[in-house]
Amino acid sequence: MNINQLKYFVALAEELSFTRAARRLHISQPPLSKQIALLEEELAVRLFNRTSRRVELTEAGRIYLYEVKAILARLSRATARARSIEQGMEGIIEVGLSGSHFLGPVPQLIAQCNMLAPGIHLVLNEMRPSDQVQALLDRTIDISIGRSRTADSLLKSFLLWEDPPVLAMLASHPLAERSQLQMEDLVGQRLVLLERDSSSFAASFHLLCTQVGIDLRRSQVVEEVPAQLYLVEAGLGIAVVPISATRRVTGLITRPLNNIPLSTDVYALVRQDNTKTAIWTFIELARKFRNPTPPSAG
């Protein structure tokens, strides 16, 4: 048997007329009669009682109709899902990201993705930026949302949105009186830093501090940006953080750092050989995502 035979059977079973069923199927009556006969022959079951005036289902035909309609419905769903996956509108994506992104626009991005592409299931894996590249190489995650970019034979990065670094501090801090700051203004200040090996930005920032003469021995060192902000809020120092991370912290003010040669912009990093089409749908949605206006410095 074939799918067309099953569809012909359902049409005839619902219309109970070869003429109407053939019209519904856009075929002539003889091919319909032939296919029904071949189906009954293959099944060795009489599905219809036929007279010159009427066609009716046998008891076996009624049971067969119930099962065939369920099979065709399931096949239709399977076809729709296969097409949806092929078009990148369905699938499971493992995302690696650090805790700082939960303070920024990522939750809104996930909500928008759920609304525009509900067939894509995003699994968020919180991990240190330094661990995300290895997770990509090991194929335990599909996308890394981070603040570094690369392009080689294995990995490729896509800019999602700009997220400049700012100095976060209490309103009572002496530096808060100034509207513009330089890295040199941080000399002599107590800093709250990320661990050097936690990310490429942290390693570069430690090096930059050393180059401008900042003594890091008086600094507090933590694992994640949220911890930086909590300690700044507690009055234990000041911190250079992405501006988006300060959106949900109301007790601090921010000031831009002029000419800082480091970036905290947000990128999606993926394996170039990843075959999940849903990845590219997510990246396209993320690149079109309108990053909410960050808080003004003040």
Protein backbone atom coordinates (compact mmCIF):
# COMPACT_ATOMS: atom_id res chain seq x y z
CA MET A 1 0.00 0.00 0.00
CA ASN A 2 1.01 3.63 -0.33
CA ILE A 3 0.00 6.98 1.17
CA ASN A 4 -2.23 7.85 -1.76
CA GLN A 5 -4.23 4.65 -1.27
CA LEU A 6 -4.80 5.57 2.37
CA LYS A 7 -5.91 9.09 1.41
CA TYR A 8 -8.25 7.65 -1.25
CA PHE A 9 -9.71 5.29 1.34
CA VAL A 10 -10.34 8.12 3.82
CA ALA A 11 -12.00 10.28 1.14
CA LEU A 12 -14.31 7.47 0.09
CA ALA A 13 -15.07 6.49 3.69
CA GLU A 14 -16.08 10.08 4.50
CA GLU A 15 -18.00 10.79 1.28
CA LEU A 16 -19.52 7.29 0.83
CA SER A 17 -19.72 8.07 -2.88
CA PHE A 18 -17.15 7.27 -5.56
CA THR A 19 -18.30 10.31 -7.53
CA ARG A 20 -17.95 12.77 -4.66
CA ALA A 21 -14.70 11.21 -3.42
CA ALA A 22 -13.15 11.38 -6.90
CA ARG A 23 -14.20 15.03 -7.21
CA ARG A 24 -12.68 15.79 -3.80
CA LEU A 25 -9.41 14.10 -4.79
CA HIS A 26 -9.35 15.77 -8.21
CA ILE A 27 -9.11 12.44 -10.02
CA SER A 28 -11.47 10.42 -12.17
CA GLN A 29 -13.58 7.62 -10.72
CA PRO A 30 -11.86 4.57 -12.37
CA PRO A 31 -8.43 5.15 -10.76
CA LEU A 32 -10.15 5.60 -7.39
CA SER A 33 -12.06 2.34 -7.77
CA LYS A 34 -8.88 0.54 -8.83
CA GLN A 35 -6.83 1.79 -5.85
CA ILE A 36 -9.54 0.87 -3.35
CA ALA A 37 -9.73 -2.61 -4.86
CA LEU A 38 -5.94 -3.00 -4.68
CA LEU A 39 -5.97 -1.88 -1.04
CA GLU A 40 -8.65 -4.40 -0.10
CA GLU A 41 -6.77 -7.11 -1.97
CA GLU A 42 -3.52 -6.35 -0.16
CA LEU A 43 -5.25 -6.24 3.23
CA ALA A 44 -7.38 -9.28 2.43
CA VAL A 45 -10.21 -7.33 4.06
CA ARG A 46 -13.45 -5.97 2.62
CA LEU A 47 -13.60 -2.32 3.64
CA PHE A 48 -16.79 -1.31 1.86
CA ASN A 49 -20.13 -2.82 1.02
CA ARG A 50 -21.07 -1.62 -2.47
CA THR A 51 -24.41 -1.70 -4.23
CA SER A 52 -25.60 0.09 -7.32
CA ARG A 53 -27.15 2.75 -5.11
CA ARG A 54 -24.88 3.16 -2.12
CA VAL A 55 -21.46 2.63 -0.57
CA GLU A 56 -21.04 1.94 3.14
CA LEU A 57 -18.23 0.96 5.43
CA THR A 58 -17.98 -2.54 6.81
CA GLU A 59 -17.23 -3.00 10.50
CA ALA A 60 -13.60 -3.69 9.57
CA GLY A 61 -13.66 -0.55 7.41
CA ARG A 62 -14.82 1.61 10.31
CA ILE A 63 -12.00 0.39 12.54
CA TYR A 64 -9.50 0.78 9.70
CA LEU A 65 -10.69 4.36 9.08
CA TYR A 66 -10.07 5.30 12.72
CA GLU A 67 -6.52 3.92 12.63
CA VAL A 68 -5.65 5.32 9.19
CA LYS A 69 -6.81 8.84 10.13
CA ALA A 70 -4.57 8.69 13.20
CA ILE A 71 -1.63 7.56 11.04
CA LEU A 72 -2.18 10.32 8.47
CA ALA A 73 -2.47 12.94 11.21
CA ARG A 74 0.77 11.77 12.77
CA LEU A 75 2.47 11.74 9.38
CA SER A 76 1.26 15.29 8.77
CA ARG A 77 2.70 16.41 12.11
CA ALA A 78 5.99 14.66 11.34
CA THR A 79 6.17 16.37 7.95
CA ALA A 80 5.45 19.77 9.49
CA ARG A 81 8.12 19.26 12.15
CA ALA A 82 10.71 18.12 9.60
CA ARG A 83 10.03 21.21 7.50
CA SER A 84 10.14 23.42 10.60
CA ILE A 85 13.52 21.98 11.61
CA GLU A 86 14.84 22.35 8.05
CA GLN A 87 13.74 26.01 8.09
CA GLY A 88 15.41 26.61 11.46
CA MET A 89 12.15 27.17 13.35
CA GLU A 90 12.41 24.17 15.67
CA GLY A 91 15.13 22.52 17.70
CA ILE A 92 17.02 22.48 20.99
CA ILE A 93 19.91 24.94 21.38
CA GLU A 94 22.37 24.67 24.25
CA VAL A 95 23.54 28.18 25.16
CA GLY A 96 26.55 28.97 27.34
CA LEU A 97 26.68 32.35 29.06
CA SER A 98 28.00 34.02 32.20
CA GLY A 99 25.94 35.46 35.03
CA SER A 100 26.45 39.07 33.93
CA HIS A 101 24.18 38.53 30.94
CA PHE A 102 21.18 37.85 33.18
CA LEU A 103 21.50 41.44 34.41
CA GLY A 104 21.37 42.79 30.85
CA PRO A 105 19.03 42.31 27.88
CA VAL A 106 19.46 38.53 27.48
CA PRO A 107 16.26 37.64 29.43
CA GLN A 108 14.26 39.94 27.12
CA LEU A 109 15.97 38.38 24.10
CA ILE A 110 14.99 34.89 25.27
CA ALA A 111 11.39 36.03 25.80
CA GLN A 112 11.29 37.52 22.30
CA CYS A 113 12.72 34.34 20.80
CA ASN A 114 10.08 32.28 22.61
CA MET A 115 7.40 34.51 21.13
CA LEU A 116 8.70 34.65 17.54
CA ALA A 117 10.06 31.10 17.31
CA PRO A 118 8.22 29.00 19.92
CA GLY A 119 9.53 25.78 18.38
CA ILE A 120 13.08 26.65 19.41
CA HIS A 121 13.92 25.54 22.94
CA LEU A 122 16.85 27.41 24.47
CA VAL A 123 18.69 25.63 27.30
CA LEU A 124 20.77 28.15 29.26
CA ASN A 125 24.01 26.90 30.81
CA GLU A 126 25.67 29.37 33.18
CA MET A 127 29.45 29.03 33.00
CA ARG A 128 32.61 31.08 33.10
CA PRO A 129 33.57 32.72 29.79
CA SER A 130 36.89 30.88 29.87
CA ASP A 131 35.02 27.54 29.95
CA GLN A 132 32.63 28.33 27.10
CA VAL A 133 35.12 27.95 24.25
CA GLN A 134 36.09 24.48 25.44
CA ALA A 135 32.40 23.61 25.76
CA LEU A 136 31.92 24.66 22.13
CA LEU A 137 34.87 22.55 21.04
CA ASP A 138 33.49 19.60 23.02
CA ARG A 139 30.02 20.18 21.47
CA THR A 140 28.37 20.37 24.89
CA ILE A 141 26.96 23.79 23.95
CA ASP A 142 25.91 25.15 20.56
CA ILE A 143 26.31 28.88 21.17
CA SER A 144 28.45 30.92 23.53
CA ILE A 145 27.12 34.36 24.41
CA GLY A 146 30.18 36.25 25.53
CA ARG A 147 32.32 39.36 25.21
CA SER A 148 35.10 38.14 22.97
CA ARG A 149 35.22 37.46 19.27
CA THR A 150 37.19 35.09 17.11
CA ALA A 151 37.32 33.76 13.57
CA ASP A 152 39.23 30.62 12.65
CA SER A 153 38.64 27.31 10.93
CA LEU A 154 36.44 26.05 13.80
CA LEU A 155 34.74 29.04 15.42
CA LYS A 156 33.00 32.16 14.19
CA SER A 157 31.61 35.12 16.13
CA PHE A 158 28.70 37.47 15.41
CA LEU A 159 28.24 40.85 17.06
CA LEU A 160 24.87 40.90 18.86
CA TRP A 161 24.96 44.36 20.45
CA GLU A 162 27.32 47.01 21.74
CA ASP A 163 27.80 47.10 25.51
CA PRO A 164 30.55 49.58 26.47
CA PRO A 165 32.49 49.30 29.75
CA VAL A 166 31.76 51.90 32.43
CA LEU A 167 32.99 52.64 35.92
CA ALA A 168 30.36 51.72 38.55
CA MET A 169 30.49 53.37 41.97
CA LEU A 170 28.44 54.77 44.81
CA ALA A 171 27.10 58.30 44.33
CA SER A 172 29.18 59.34 47.32
CA HIS A 173 32.48 58.30 45.72
CA PRO A 174 34.83 61.22 44.89
CA LEU A 175 35.07 60.17 41.24
CA ALA A 176 31.30 60.51 40.90
CA GLU A 177 31.73 64.29 40.75
CA ARG A 178 33.42 63.97 37.34
CA SER A 179 31.55 63.35 34.11
CA GLN A 180 34.49 61.89 32.16
CA LEU A 181 37.20 59.56 33.42
CA GLN A 182 40.44 58.00 32.19
CA MET A 183 42.07 54.75 33.27
CA GLU A 184 44.75 56.84 35.00
CA ASP A 185 42.03 58.23 37.30
CA LEU A 186 41.74 54.78 38.87
CA VAL A 187 45.29 54.89 40.25
CA GLY A 188 45.13 54.75 44.03
CA GLN A 189 41.50 53.54 44.06
CA ARG A 190 40.28 50.28 45.53
CA LEU A 191 38.98 48.14 42.69
CA VAL A 192 36.67 45.14 42.59
CA LEU A 193 38.06 42.92 39.86
CA LEU A 194 37.16 39.72 38.09
CA GLU A 195 39.61 36.87 38.52
CA ARG A 196 42.32 37.15 35.89
CA ASP A 197 41.64 33.75 34.33
CA SER A 198 37.84 34.07 34.34
CA SER A 199 37.70 35.68 30.87
CA SER A 200 39.82 37.29 28.18
CA PHE A 201 38.47 40.70 29.23
CA ALA A 202 39.52 40.11 32.85
CA ALA A 203 43.03 39.09 31.79
CA SER A 204 43.34 42.13 29.52
CA PHE A 205 42.01 44.47 32.21
CA HIS A 206 44.49 43.18 34.80
CA LEU A 207 47.30 43.82 32.32
CA LEU A 208 45.96 47.31 31.52
CA CYS A 209 45.82 48.18 35.24
CA THR A 210 49.45 47.15 35.63
CA GLN A 211 50.46 49.22 32.61
CA VAL A 212 48.90 52.43 33.99
CA GLY A 213 50.37 51.86 37.46
CA ILE A 214 47.35 50.63 39.43
CA ASP A 215 48.32 48.57 42.49
CA LEU A 216 46.03 45.53 42.38
CA ARG A 217 47.09 44.21 45.81
CA ARG A 218 44.37 46.29 47.48
CA SER A 219 41.69 44.96 45.14
CA GLN A 220 38.82 42.59 45.85
CA VAL A 221 38.74 39.70 43.34
CA VAL A 222 35.54 37.83 42.49
CA GLU A 223 34.28 35.32 39.92
CA GLU A 224 31.35 37.15 38.32
CA VAL A 225 30.11 40.64 37.44
CA PRO A 226 27.08 40.45 39.79
CA ALA A 227 29.48 39.89 42.70
CA GLN A 228 31.45 42.93 41.59
CA LEU A 229 28.34 45.08 41.72
CA TYR A 230 27.28 43.76 45.14
CA LEU A 231 30.67 44.62 46.62
CA VAL A 232 30.65 48.07 45.00
CA GLU A 233 27.19 48.63 46.45
CA ALA A 234 28.59 47.62 49.85
CA GLY A 235 31.24 50.34 49.55
CA LEU A 236 34.21 48.01 49.09
CA GLY A 237 35.51 49.65 45.93
CA ILE A 238 34.70 50.61 42.36
CA ALA A 239 34.48 48.35 39.30
CA VAL A 240 34.69 48.48 35.51
CA VAL A 241 31.71 46.55 34.17
CA PRO A 242 29.54 46.39 31.03
CA ILE A 243 26.92 49.11 31.17
CA SER A 244 24.07 46.61 30.62
CA ALA A 245 24.99 44.84 33.88
CA THR A 246 24.10 47.97 35.86
CA ARG A 247 20.51 48.18 34.59
CA ARG A 248 19.04 46.28 37.53
CA VAL A 249 21.25 47.81 40.25
CA THR A 250 19.66 51.03 41.51
CA GLY A 251 22.18 51.98 44.21
CA LEU A 252 25.05 52.79 41.85
CA ILE A 253 25.96 55.38 39.26
CA THR A 254 28.17 54.93 36.22
CA ARG A 255 30.71 57.03 34.39
CA PRO A 256 32.23 56.36 30.94
CA LEU A 257 35.92 55.59 30.65
CA ASN A 258 37.47 57.46 27.75
CA ASN A 259 39.92 55.73 25.43
CA ILE A 260 39.86 52.38 27.26
CA PRO A 261 41.29 49.93 24.68
CA LEU A 262 39.01 47.08 25.77
CA SER A 263 35.56 46.00 24.60
CA THR A 264 32.69 44.40 26.48
CA ASP A 265 30.39 44.17 23.43
CA VAL A 266 28.32 41.01 23.25
CA TYR A 267 28.99 38.31 20.65
CA ALA A 268 27.55 34.95 19.73
CA LEU A 269 30.27 32.37 19.19
CA VAL A 270 29.45 29.15 17.30
CA ARG A 271 31.16 26.22 15.65
CA GLN A 272 31.25 26.72 11.90
CA ASP A 273 30.39 23.05 11.33
CA ASN A 274 27.31 22.98 13.57
CA THR A 275 24.42 21.70 11.44
CA LYS A 276 21.53 22.81 13.66
CA THR A 277 19.59 25.24 11.50
CA ALA A 278 17.81 26.68 14.55
CA ILE A 279 21.13 28.21 15.64
CA TRP A 280 21.12 30.60 12.70
CA THR A 281 17.51 31.54 13.34
CA PHE A 282 18.38 32.43 16.93
CA ILE A 283 21.43 34.44 15.86
CA GLU A 284 19.36 36.33 13.29
CA LEU A 285 16.71 37.13 15.92
CA ALA A 286 19.42 38.21 18.36
CA ARG A 287 21.09 40.48 15.82
CA LYS A 288 17.75 42.15 15.06
CA PHE A 289 16.93 42.41 18.76
CA ARG A 290 16.72 46.02 19.87
CA ASN A 291 18.90 46.23 22.94
CA PRO A 292 16.98 48.29 25.54
CA THR A 293 18.55 51.70 26.05
CA PRO A 294 21.13 51.33 28.85
CA PRO A 295 20.87 53.61 31.87
CA SER A 296 22.43 57.00 31.52
CA ALA A 297 25.53 57.76 33.51
CA GLY A 298 24.33 59.60 36.56
